[in-house]
Full PDB file with SEQRES, HELIX, SHEET, SSBOND, CRYST1, ORIGX, SCALE, CONECT and MASTER records, all heavy atoms in Angstrom:
SEQRES   1 A   36  VAL GLU ASN ILE CYS THR GLY THR THR HIS ASP VAL TRP          
SEQRES   2 A   36  GLU VAL ASN VAL GLU GLU GLU TYR HIS GLU GLU ALA ALA          
SEQRES   3 A   36  ALA ILE PRO GLU PRO GLY GLU ARG ALA PRO                      
HELIX    1 AA1 GLU A    2  THR A    6  1                                   5    
HELIX    2 AA2 VAL A   12  GLU A   14  5                                   3    
HELIX    3 AA3 PRO A   31  GLU A   33  5                                   3    
CRYST1    1.000    1.000    1.000  90.00  90.00  90.00 P 1           1          
ORIGX1      1.000000  0.000000  0.000000        0.00000                         
ORIGX2      0.000000  1.000000  0.000000        0.00000                         
ORIGX3      0.000000  0.000000  1.000000        0.00000                         
SCALE1      1.000000  0.000000  0.000000        0.00000                         
SCALE2      0.000000  1.000000  0.000000        0.00000                         
SCALE3      0.000000  0.000000  1.000000        0.00000                         
ATOM      1  N   VAL A   1       1.373  -0.909  -5.729  1.00  0.00           N  
ATOM      2  CA  VAL A   1       1.300  -1.987  -6.723  1.00  0.00           C  
ATOM      3  C   VAL A   1      -0.022  -2.741  -6.584  1.00  0.00           C  
ATOM      4  O   VAL A   1      -0.666  -3.085  -7.588  1.00  0.00           O  
ATOM      5  CB  VAL A   1       2.505  -2.929  -6.587  1.00  0.00           C  
ATOM      6  CG1 VAL A   1       2.295  -4.200  -7.414  1.00  0.00           C  
ATOM      7  CG2 VAL A   1       3.787  -2.213  -7.029  1.00  0.00           C  
ATOM      8  N   GLU A   2      -0.454  -2.993  -5.367  1.00  0.00           N  
ATOM      9  CA  GLU A   2      -1.750  -3.653  -5.176  1.00  0.00           C  
ATOM     10  C   GLU A   2      -2.877  -2.806  -5.755  1.00  0.00           C  
ATOM     11  O   GLU A   2      -3.797  -3.332  -6.403  1.00  0.00           O  
ATOM     12  CB  GLU A   2      -1.995  -3.911  -3.692  1.00  0.00           C  
ATOM     13  CG  GLU A   2      -1.147  -5.015  -3.093  1.00  0.00           C  
ATOM     14  CD  GLU A   2      -1.591  -5.368  -1.692  1.00  0.00           C  
ATOM     15  OE1 GLU A   2      -2.724  -5.014  -1.309  1.00  0.00           O  
ATOM     16  OE2 GLU A   2      -0.804  -6.014  -0.970  1.00  0.00           O  
ATOM     17  N   ASN A   3      -2.804  -1.508  -5.519  1.00  0.00           N  
ATOM     18  CA  ASN A   3      -3.837  -0.629  -6.075  1.00  0.00           C  
ATOM     19  C   ASN A   3      -3.879  -0.709  -7.592  1.00  0.00           C  
ATOM     20  O   ASN A   3      -4.953  -0.773  -8.203  1.00  0.00           O  
ATOM     21  CB  ASN A   3      -3.595   0.814  -5.646  1.00  0.00           C  
ATOM     22  CG  ASN A   3      -3.906   1.055  -4.181  1.00  0.00           C  
ATOM     23  OD1 ASN A   3      -4.523   0.227  -3.516  1.00  0.00           O  
ATOM     24  ND2 ASN A   3      -3.470   2.193  -3.670  1.00  0.00           N  
ATOM     25  N   ILE A   4      -2.721  -0.712  -8.221  1.00  0.00           N  
ATOM     26  CA  ILE A   4      -2.642  -0.726  -9.689  1.00  0.00           C  
ATOM     27  C   ILE A   4      -3.120  -2.058 -10.253  1.00  0.00           C  
ATOM     28  O   ILE A   4      -3.903  -2.104 -11.204  1.00  0.00           O  
ATOM     29  CB  ILE A   4      -1.199  -0.445 -10.155  1.00  0.00           C  
ATOM     30  CG1 ILE A   4      -0.815   1.007  -9.853  1.00  0.00           C  
ATOM     31  CG2 ILE A   4      -1.029  -0.736 -11.647  1.00  0.00           C  
ATOM     32  CD1 ILE A   4       0.657   1.315 -10.089  1.00  0.00           C  
ATOM     33  N   CYS A   5      -2.663  -3.139  -9.645  1.00  0.00           N  
ATOM     34  CA  CYS A   5      -2.862  -4.454 -10.258  1.00  0.00           C  
ATOM     35  C   CYS A   5      -4.120  -5.184  -9.794  1.00  0.00           C  
ATOM     36  O   CYS A   5      -4.609  -6.070 -10.504  1.00  0.00           O  
ATOM     37  CB  CYS A   5      -1.641  -5.342  -9.997  1.00  0.00           C  
ATOM     38  SG  CYS A   5      -0.127  -4.744 -10.795  1.00  0.00           S  
ATOM     39  N   THR A   6      -4.634  -4.845  -8.644  1.00  0.00           N  
ATOM     40  CA  THR A   6      -5.797  -5.576  -8.137  1.00  0.00           C  
ATOM     41  C   THR A   6      -7.002  -4.684  -7.903  1.00  0.00           C  
ATOM     42  O   THR A   6      -8.070  -5.182  -7.542  1.00  0.00           O  
ATOM     43  CB  THR A   6      -5.463  -6.308  -6.822  1.00  0.00           C  
ATOM     44  OG1 THR A   6      -5.296  -5.349  -5.773  1.00  0.00           O  
ATOM     45  CG2 THR A   6      -4.199  -7.145  -6.961  1.00  0.00           C  
ATOM     46  N   GLY A   7      -6.831  -3.372  -8.062  1.00  0.00           N  
ATOM     47  CA  GLY A   7      -7.963  -2.480  -7.897  1.00  0.00           C  
ATOM     48  C   GLY A   7      -8.285  -2.128  -6.474  1.00  0.00           C  
ATOM     49  O   GLY A   7      -9.350  -1.547  -6.201  1.00  0.00           O  
ATOM     50  N   THR A   8      -7.412  -2.475  -5.522  1.00  0.00           N  
ATOM     51  CA  THR A   8      -7.641  -2.064  -4.140  1.00  0.00           C  
ATOM     52  C   THR A   8      -7.500  -0.546  -4.031  1.00  0.00           C  
ATOM     53  O   THR A   8      -7.031   0.128  -4.954  1.00  0.00           O  
ATOM     54  CB  THR A   8      -6.641  -2.750  -3.194  1.00  0.00           C  
ATOM     55  OG1 THR A   8      -5.312  -2.477  -3.661  1.00  0.00           O  
ATOM     56  CG2 THR A   8      -6.869  -4.238  -3.137  1.00  0.00           C  
ATOM     57  N   THR A   9      -7.889  -0.012  -2.897  1.00  0.00           N  
ATOM     58  CA  THR A   9      -7.865   1.441  -2.709  1.00  0.00           C  
ATOM     59  C   THR A   9      -7.110   1.811  -1.436  1.00  0.00           C  
ATOM     60  O   THR A   9      -7.552   2.633  -0.647  1.00  0.00           O  
ATOM     61  CB  THR A   9      -9.289   2.009  -2.647  1.00  0.00           C  
ATOM     62  OG1 THR A   9     -10.019   1.340  -1.592  1.00  0.00           O  
ATOM     63  CG2 THR A   9     -10.005   1.830  -3.972  1.00  0.00           C  
ATOM     64  N   HIS A  10      -5.969   1.188  -1.219  1.00  0.00           N  
ATOM     65  CA  HIS A  10      -5.129   1.558  -0.082  1.00  0.00           C  
ATOM     66  C   HIS A  10      -4.774   3.034  -0.177  1.00  0.00           C  
ATOM     67  O   HIS A  10      -4.436   3.539  -1.253  1.00  0.00           O  
ATOM     68  CB  HIS A  10      -3.821   0.759  -0.092  1.00  0.00           C  
ATOM     69  CG  HIS A  10      -3.984  -0.713   0.015  1.00  0.00           C  
ATOM     70  ND1 HIS A  10      -4.561  -1.326   1.099  1.00  0.00           N  
ATOM     71  CD2 HIS A  10      -3.596  -1.717  -0.823  1.00  0.00           C  
ATOM     72  CE1 HIS A  10      -4.538  -2.636   0.932  1.00  0.00           C  
ATOM     73  NE2 HIS A  10      -3.968  -2.900  -0.230  1.00  0.00           N  
ATOM     74  N   ASP A  11      -4.814   3.705   0.950  1.00  0.00           N  
ATOM     75  CA  ASP A  11      -4.357   5.093   1.016  1.00  0.00           C  
ATOM     76  C   ASP A  11      -2.908   5.090   1.493  1.00  0.00           C  
ATOM     77  O   ASP A  11      -2.634   4.968   2.685  1.00  0.00           O  
ATOM     78  CB  ASP A  11      -5.221   5.907   1.975  1.00  0.00           C  
ATOM     79  CG  ASP A  11      -4.857   7.391   1.984  1.00  0.00           C  
ATOM     80  OD1 ASP A  11      -3.838   7.754   1.360  1.00  0.00           O  
ATOM     81  OD2 ASP A  11      -5.586   8.175   2.616  1.00  0.00           O  
ATOM     82  N   VAL A  12      -1.965   5.207   0.558  1.00  0.00           N  
ATOM     83  CA  VAL A  12      -0.552   5.117   0.925  1.00  0.00           C  
ATOM     84  C   VAL A  12      -0.123   6.294   1.796  1.00  0.00           C  
ATOM     85  O   VAL A  12       0.902   6.223   2.486  1.00  0.00           O  
ATOM     86  CB  VAL A  12       0.347   5.031  -0.322  1.00  0.00           C  
ATOM     87  CG1 VAL A  12       0.026   3.785  -1.135  1.00  0.00           C  
ATOM     88  CG2 VAL A  12       0.233   6.276  -1.185  1.00  0.00           C  
ATOM     89  N   TRP A  13      -0.886   7.365   1.795  1.00  0.00           N  
ATOM     90  CA  TRP A  13      -0.549   8.516   2.635  1.00  0.00           C  
ATOM     91  C   TRP A  13      -0.825   8.247   4.110  1.00  0.00           C  
ATOM     92  O   TRP A  13      -0.445   9.039   4.972  1.00  0.00           O  
ATOM     93  CB  TRP A  13      -1.306   9.759   2.157  1.00  0.00           C  
ATOM     94  CG  TRP A  13      -0.841  10.193   0.801  1.00  0.00           C  
ATOM     95  CD1 TRP A  13      -1.350   9.805  -0.396  1.00  0.00           C  
ATOM     96  CD2 TRP A  13       0.248  11.074   0.522  1.00  0.00           C  
ATOM     97  NE1 TRP A  13      -0.644  10.393  -1.428  1.00  0.00           N  
ATOM     98  CE2 TRP A  13       0.342  11.180  -0.887  1.00  0.00           C  
ATOM     99  CE3 TRP A  13       1.149  11.782   1.305  1.00  0.00           C  
ATOM    100  CZ2 TRP A  13       1.301  11.961  -1.529  1.00  0.00           C  
ATOM    101  CZ3 TRP A  13       2.107  12.569   0.669  1.00  0.00           C  
ATOM    102  CH2 TRP A  13       2.181  12.654  -0.723  1.00  0.00           C  
ATOM    103  N   GLU A  14      -1.473   7.133   4.404  1.00  0.00           N  
ATOM    104  CA  GLU A  14      -1.721   6.772   5.792  1.00  0.00           C  
ATOM    105  C   GLU A  14      -0.613   5.903   6.371  1.00  0.00           C  
ATOM    106  O   GLU A  14      -0.629   5.561   7.552  1.00  0.00           O  
ATOM    107  CB  GLU A  14      -3.059   6.031   5.908  1.00  0.00           C  
ATOM    108  CG  GLU A  14      -4.265   6.871   5.532  1.00  0.00           C  
ATOM    109  CD  GLU A  14      -4.508   8.012   6.508  1.00  0.00           C  
ATOM    110  OE1 GLU A  14      -3.985   7.948   7.639  1.00  0.00           O  
ATOM    111  OE2 GLU A  14      -5.197   8.965   6.142  1.00  0.00           O  
ATOM    112  N   VAL A  15       0.365   5.506   5.551  1.00  0.00           N  
ATOM    113  CA  VAL A  15       1.489   4.731   6.061  1.00  0.00           C  
ATOM    114  C   VAL A  15       2.344   5.620   6.958  1.00  0.00           C  
ATOM    115  O   VAL A  15       2.704   6.732   6.588  1.00  0.00           O  
ATOM    116  CB  VAL A  15       2.349   4.176   4.901  1.00  0.00           C  
ATOM    117  CG1 VAL A  15       3.626   3.531   5.444  1.00  0.00           C  
ATOM    118  CG2 VAL A  15       1.551   3.179   4.080  1.00  0.00           C  
ATOM    119  N   ASN A  16       2.651   5.105   8.160  1.00  0.00           N  
ATOM    120  CA  ASN A  16       3.572   5.805   9.069  1.00  0.00           C  
ATOM    121  C   ASN A  16       2.996   7.113   9.574  1.00  0.00           C  
ATOM    122  O   ASN A  16       3.649   8.147   9.547  1.00  0.00           O  
ATOM    123  CB  ASN A  16       4.914   6.060   8.367  1.00  0.00           C  
ATOM    124  CG  ASN A  16       5.995   6.528   9.332  1.00  0.00           C  
ATOM    125  OD1 ASN A  16       5.840   6.416  10.534  1.00  0.00           O  
ATOM    126  ND2 ASN A  16       7.065   7.062   8.788  1.00  0.00           N  
ATOM    127  N   VAL A  17       1.748   7.074  10.029  1.00  0.00           N  
ATOM    128  CA  VAL A  17       1.102   8.273  10.556  1.00  0.00           C  
ATOM    129  C   VAL A  17       0.885   8.174  12.059  1.00  0.00           C  
ATOM    130  O   VAL A  17       1.111   9.124  12.785  1.00  0.00           O  
ATOM    131  CB  VAL A  17      -0.244   8.518   9.844  1.00  0.00           C  
ATOM    132  CG1 VAL A  17      -1.039   9.601  10.546  1.00  0.00           C  
ATOM    133  CG2 VAL A  17      -0.004   8.910   8.388  1.00  0.00           C  
ATOM    134  N   GLU A  18       0.424   7.014  12.527  1.00  0.00           N  
ATOM    135  CA  GLU A  18      -0.014   6.907  13.918  1.00  0.00           C  
ATOM    136  C   GLU A  18       1.128   7.106  14.897  1.00  0.00           C  
ATOM    137  O   GLU A  18       2.232   6.628  14.683  1.00  0.00           O  
ATOM    138  CB  GLU A  18      -0.641   5.519  14.150  1.00  0.00           C  
ATOM    139  CG  GLU A  18      -1.957   5.345  13.418  1.00  0.00           C  
ATOM    140  CD  GLU A  18      -3.001   6.348  13.863  1.00  0.00           C  
ATOM    141  OE1 GLU A  18      -3.322   6.371  15.063  1.00  0.00           O  
ATOM    142  OE2 GLU A  18      -3.493   7.099  13.030  1.00  0.00           O  
ATOM    143  N   GLU A  19       0.874   7.788  15.997  1.00  0.00           N  
ATOM    144  CA  GLU A  19       1.894   8.035  17.008  1.00  0.00           C  
ATOM    145  C   GLU A  19       2.435   6.730  17.584  1.00  0.00           C  
ATOM    146  O   GLU A  19       3.595   6.622  17.928  1.00  0.00           O  
ATOM    147  CB  GLU A  19       1.339   8.898  18.134  1.00  0.00           C  
ATOM    148  CG  GLU A  19       1.101  10.342  17.722  1.00  0.00           C  
ATOM    149  CD  GLU A  19       0.715  11.207  18.896  1.00  0.00           C  
ATOM    150  OE1 GLU A  19       0.618  10.671  20.026  1.00  0.00           O  
ATOM    151  OE2 GLU A  19       0.521  12.411  18.698  1.00  0.00           O  
ATOM    152  N   GLU A  20       1.572   5.708  17.720  1.00  0.00           N  
ATOM    153  CA  GLU A  20       2.002   4.454  18.308  1.00  0.00           C  
ATOM    154  C   GLU A  20       2.716   3.557  17.315  1.00  0.00           C  
ATOM    155  O   GLU A  20       3.249   2.531  17.682  1.00  0.00           O  
ATOM    156  CB  GLU A  20       0.784   3.691  18.869  1.00  0.00           C  
ATOM    157  CG  GLU A  20       0.107   4.365  20.054  1.00  0.00           C  
ATOM    158  CD  GLU A  20      -0.768   5.538  19.652  1.00  0.00           C  
ATOM    159  OE1 GLU A  20      -1.089   5.655  18.446  1.00  0.00           O  
ATOM    160  OE2 GLU A  20      -1.123   6.339  20.527  1.00  0.00           O  
ATOM    161  N   TYR A  21       2.753   3.942  16.067  1.00  0.00           N  
ATOM    162  CA  TYR A  21       3.193   3.039  15.011  1.00  0.00           C  
ATOM    163  C   TYR A  21       4.613   2.534  15.225  1.00  0.00           C  
ATOM    164  O   TYR A  21       4.903   1.366  15.060  1.00  0.00           O  
ATOM    165  CB  TYR A  21       3.081   3.755  13.671  1.00  0.00           C  
ATOM    166  CG  TYR A  21       3.382   2.871  12.494  1.00  0.00           C  
ATOM    167  CD1 TYR A  21       2.534   1.818  12.169  1.00  0.00           C  
ATOM    168  CD2 TYR A  21       4.515   3.062  11.741  1.00  0.00           C  
ATOM    169  CE1 TYR A  21       2.802   1.001  11.100  1.00  0.00           C  
ATOM    170  CE2 TYR A  21       4.801   2.240  10.667  1.00  0.00           C  
ATOM    171  CZ  TYR A  21       3.935   1.219  10.347  1.00  0.00           C  
ATOM    172  OH  TYR A  21       4.210   0.404   9.296  1.00  0.00           O  
ATOM    173  N   HIS A  22       5.535   3.415  15.601  1.00  0.00           N  
ATOM    174  CA  HIS A  22       6.917   2.998  15.775  1.00  0.00           C  
ATOM    175  C   HIS A  22       7.161   2.327  17.117  1.00  0.00           C  
ATOM    176  O   HIS A  22       8.102   1.574  17.262  1.00  0.00           O  
ATOM    177  CB  HIS A  22       7.855   4.205  15.671  1.00  0.00           C  
ATOM    178  CG  HIS A  22       7.719   4.942  14.387  1.00  0.00           C  
ATOM    179  ND1 HIS A  22       8.086   4.397  13.182  1.00  0.00           N  
ATOM    180  CD2 HIS A  22       7.242   6.174  14.117  1.00  0.00           C  
ATOM    181  CE1 HIS A  22       7.847   5.277  12.227  1.00  0.00           C  
ATOM    182  NE2 HIS A  22       7.334   6.351  12.769  1.00  0.00           N  
ATOM    183  N   GLU A  23       6.328   2.623  18.092  1.00  0.00           N  
ATOM    184  CA  GLU A  23       6.658   2.270  19.457  1.00  0.00           C  
ATOM    185  C   GLU A  23       5.975   1.013  19.956  1.00  0.00           C  
ATOM    186  O   GLU A  23       6.468   0.379  20.875  1.00  0.00           O  
ATOM    187  CB  GLU A  23       6.279   3.435  20.398  1.00  0.00           C  
ATOM    188  CG  GLU A  23       6.751   4.789  19.918  1.00  0.00           C  
ATOM    189  CD  GLU A  23       8.261   4.898  19.790  1.00  0.00           C  
ATOM    190  OE1 GLU A  23       8.972   4.074  20.391  1.00  0.00           O  
ATOM    191  OE2 GLU A  23       8.723   5.789  19.081  1.00  0.00           O  
ATOM    192  N   GLU A  24       4.832   0.651  19.388  1.00  0.00           N  
ATOM    193  CA  GLU A  24       4.090  -0.475  19.920  1.00  0.00           C  
ATOM    194  C   GLU A  24       3.904  -1.533  18.851  1.00  0.00           C  
ATOM    195  O   GLU A  24       3.610  -1.229  17.706  1.00  0.00           O  
ATOM    196  CB  GLU A  24       2.714  -0.019  20.433  1.00  0.00           C  
ATOM    197  CG  GLU A  24       2.815   0.988  21.579  1.00  0.00           C  
ATOM    198  CD  GLU A  24       1.460   1.414  22.081  1.00  0.00           C  
ATOM    199  OE1 GLU A  24       0.459   0.915  21.521  1.00  0.00           O  
ATOM    200  OE2 GLU A  24       1.393   2.222  23.000  1.00  0.00           O  
ATOM    201  N   ALA A  25       4.079  -2.773  19.255  1.00  0.00           N  
ATOM    202  CA  ALA A  25       3.910  -3.883  18.323  1.00  0.00           C  
ATOM    203  C   ALA A  25       2.428  -4.161  18.154  1.00  0.00           C  
ATOM    204  O   ALA A  25       1.876  -5.104  18.696  1.00  0.00           O  
ATOM    205  CB  ALA A  25       4.623  -5.128  18.835  1.00  0.00           C  
ATOM    206  N   ALA A  26       1.780  -3.315  17.411  1.00  0.00           N  
ATOM    207  CA  ALA A  26       0.337  -3.427  17.212  1.00  0.00           C  
ATOM    208  C   ALA A  26       0.054  -3.553  15.729  1.00  0.00           C  
ATOM    209  O   ALA A  26       0.883  -3.267  14.881  1.00  0.00           O  
ATOM    210  CB  ALA A  26      -0.371  -2.191  17.779  1.00  0.00           C  
ATOM    211  N   ALA A  27      -1.143  -3.981  15.418  1.00  0.00           N  
ATOM    212  CA  ALA A  27      -1.534  -4.076  14.020  1.00  0.00           C  
ATOM    213  C   ALA A  27      -1.570  -2.698  13.391  1.00  0.00           C  
ATOM    214  O   ALA A  27      -1.799  -1.698  14.062  1.00  0.00           O  
ATOM    215  CB  ALA A  27      -2.909  -4.741  13.911  1.00  0.00           C  
ATOM    216  N   ILE A  28      -1.349  -2.648  12.079  1.00  0.00           N  
ATOM    217  CA  ILE A  28      -1.422  -1.379  11.376  1.00  0.00           C  
ATOM    218  C   ILE A  28      -2.846  -0.848  11.469  1.00  0.00           C  
ATOM    219  O   ILE A  28      -3.799  -1.544  11.149  1.00  0.00           O  
ATOM    220  CB  ILE A  28      -1.025  -1.564   9.905  1.00  0.00           C  
ATOM    221  CG1 ILE A  28       0.426  -2.051   9.836  1.00  0.00           C  
ATOM    222  CG2 ILE A  28      -1.188  -0.269   9.121  1.00  0.00           C  
ATOM    223  CD1 ILE A  28       0.839  -2.476   8.449  1.00  0.00           C  
ATOM    224  N   PRO A  29      -3.030   0.379  11.951  1.00  0.00           N  
ATOM    225  CA  PRO A  29      -4.377   0.892  12.164  1.00  0.00           C  
ATOM    226  C   PRO A  29      -5.147   1.092  10.872  1.00  0.00           C  
ATOM    227  O   PRO A  29      -4.580   1.365   9.822  1.00  0.00           O  
ATOM    228  CB  PRO A  29      -4.132   2.240  12.864  1.00  0.00           C  
ATOM    229  CG  PRO A  29      -2.736   2.606  12.529  1.00  0.00           C  
ATOM    230  CD  PRO A  29      -1.991   1.332  12.345  1.00  0.00           C  
ATOM    231  N   GLU A  30      -6.445   0.936  10.983  1.00  0.00           N  
ATOM    232  CA  GLU A  30      -7.307   1.123   9.830  1.00  0.00           C  
ATOM    233  C   GLU A  30      -7.484   2.610   9.548  1.00  0.00           C  
ATOM    234  O   GLU A  30      -7.608   3.419  10.470  1.00  0.00           O  
ATOM    235  CB  GLU A  30      -8.686   0.506  10.106  1.00  0.00           C  
ATOM    236  CG  GLU A  30      -8.634  -0.993  10.386  1.00  0.00           C  
ATOM    237  CD  GLU A  30      -8.271  -1.783   9.165  1.00  0.00           C  
ATOM    238  OE1 GLU A  30      -8.476  -1.266   8.044  1.00  0.00           O  
ATOM    239  OE2 GLU A  30      -7.788  -2.916   9.293  1.00  0.00           O  
ATOM    240  N   PRO A  31      -7.515   3.003   8.251  1.00  0.00           N  
ATOM    241  CA  PRO A  31      -7.723   4.419   7.946  1.00  0.00           C  
ATOM    242  C   PRO A  31      -8.974   4.988   8.582  1.00  0.00           C  
ATOM    243  O   PRO A  31      -9.022   6.133   8.976  1.00  0.00           O  
ATOM    244  CB  PRO A  31      -7.799   4.429   6.415  1.00  0.00           C  
ATOM    245  CG  PRO A  31      -7.002   3.235   5.993  1.00  0.00           C  
ATOM    246  CD  PRO A  31      -7.244   2.198   7.052  1.00  0.00           C  
ATOM    247  N   GLY A  32     -10.011   4.204   8.720  1.00  0.00           N  
ATOM    248  CA  GLY A  32     -11.247   4.701   9.307  1.00  0.00           C  
ATOM    249  C   GLY A  32     -11.128   5.068  10.768  1.00  0.00           C  
ATOM    250  O   GLY A  32     -11.987   5.749  11.314  1.00  0.00           O  
ATOM    251  N   GLU A  33     -10.047   4.603  11.418  1.00  0.00           N  
ATOM    252  CA  GLU A  33      -9.857   4.919  12.817  1.00  0.00           C  
ATOM    253  C   GLU A  33      -9.222   6.289  13.013  1.00  0.00           C  
ATOM    254  O   GLU A  33      -9.083   6.765  14.133  1.00  0.00           O  
ATOM    255  CB  GLU A  33      -8.980   3.852  13.468  1.00  0.00           C  
ATOM    256  CG  GLU A  33      -9.604   2.472  13.435  1.00  0.00           C  
ATOM    257  CD  GLU A  33      -8.642   1.397  13.921  1.00  0.00           C  
ATOM    258  OE1 GLU A  33      -7.520   1.757  14.329  1.00  0.00           O  
ATOM    259  OE2 GLU A  33      -9.007   0.229  13.884  1.00  0.00           O  
ATOM    260  N   ARG A  34      -8.782   6.933  11.939  1.00  0.00           N  
ATOM    261  CA  ARG A  34      -8.122   8.222  12.034  1.00  0.00           C  
ATOM    262  C   ARG A  34      -9.116   9.343  11.784  1.00  0.00           C  
ATOM    263  O   ARG A  34     -10.182   9.145  11.221  1.00  0.00           O  
ATOM    264  CB  ARG A  34      -6.994   8.322  11.006  1.00  0.00           C  
ATOM    265  CG  ARG A  34      -5.989   7.188  11.106  1.00  0.00           C  
ATOM    266  CD  ARG A  34      -4.855   7.409  10.130  1.00  0.00           C  
ATOM    267  NE  ARG A  34      -3.878   6.353  10.250  1.00  0.00           N  
ATOM    268  CZ  ARG A  34      -3.853   5.276   9.482  1.00  0.00           C  
ATOM    269  NH1 ARG A  34      -4.742   5.134   8.536  1.00  0.00           N  
ATOM    270  NH2 ARG A  34      -2.937   4.357   9.646  1.00  0.00           N  
ATOM    271  N   ALA A  35      -8.727  10.529  12.160  1.00  0.00           N  
ATOM    272  CA  ALA A  35      -9.546  11.699  11.864  1.00  0.00           C  
ATOM    273  C   ALA A  35      -9.665  11.849  10.357  1.00  0.00           C  
ATOM    274  O   ALA A  35      -8.690  11.665   9.631  1.00  0.00           O  
ATOM    275  CB  ALA A  35      -8.909  12.946  12.467  1.00  0.00           C  
ATOM    276  N   PRO A  36     -10.852  12.161   9.839  1.00  0.00           N  
ATOM    277  CA  PRO A  36     -11.030  12.302   8.397  1.00  0.00           C  
ATOM    278  C   PRO A  36     -10.033  13.305   7.816  1.00  0.00           C  
ATOM    279  O   PRO A  36      -9.838  14.383   8.365  1.00  0.00           O  
ATOM    280  CB  PRO A  36     -12.475  12.816   8.268  1.00  0.00           C  
ATOM    281  CG  PRO A  36     -13.148  12.350   9.519  1.00  0.00           C  
ATOM    282  CD  PRO A  36     -12.104  12.402  10.582  1.00  0.00           C  
TER     283      PRO A  36                                                      
MASTER        0    0    0    3    0    0    0    6  282    1    0    3          
END                                                                             
């Protein structure tokens, strides 16, 4: 919805990818931190 209405370019395919995502209370990682 943000992409549609505000012109942002979130990559929704990066949601729920990182191995630590479920296990550690950390900030959501930036797409640039992942392998291209």
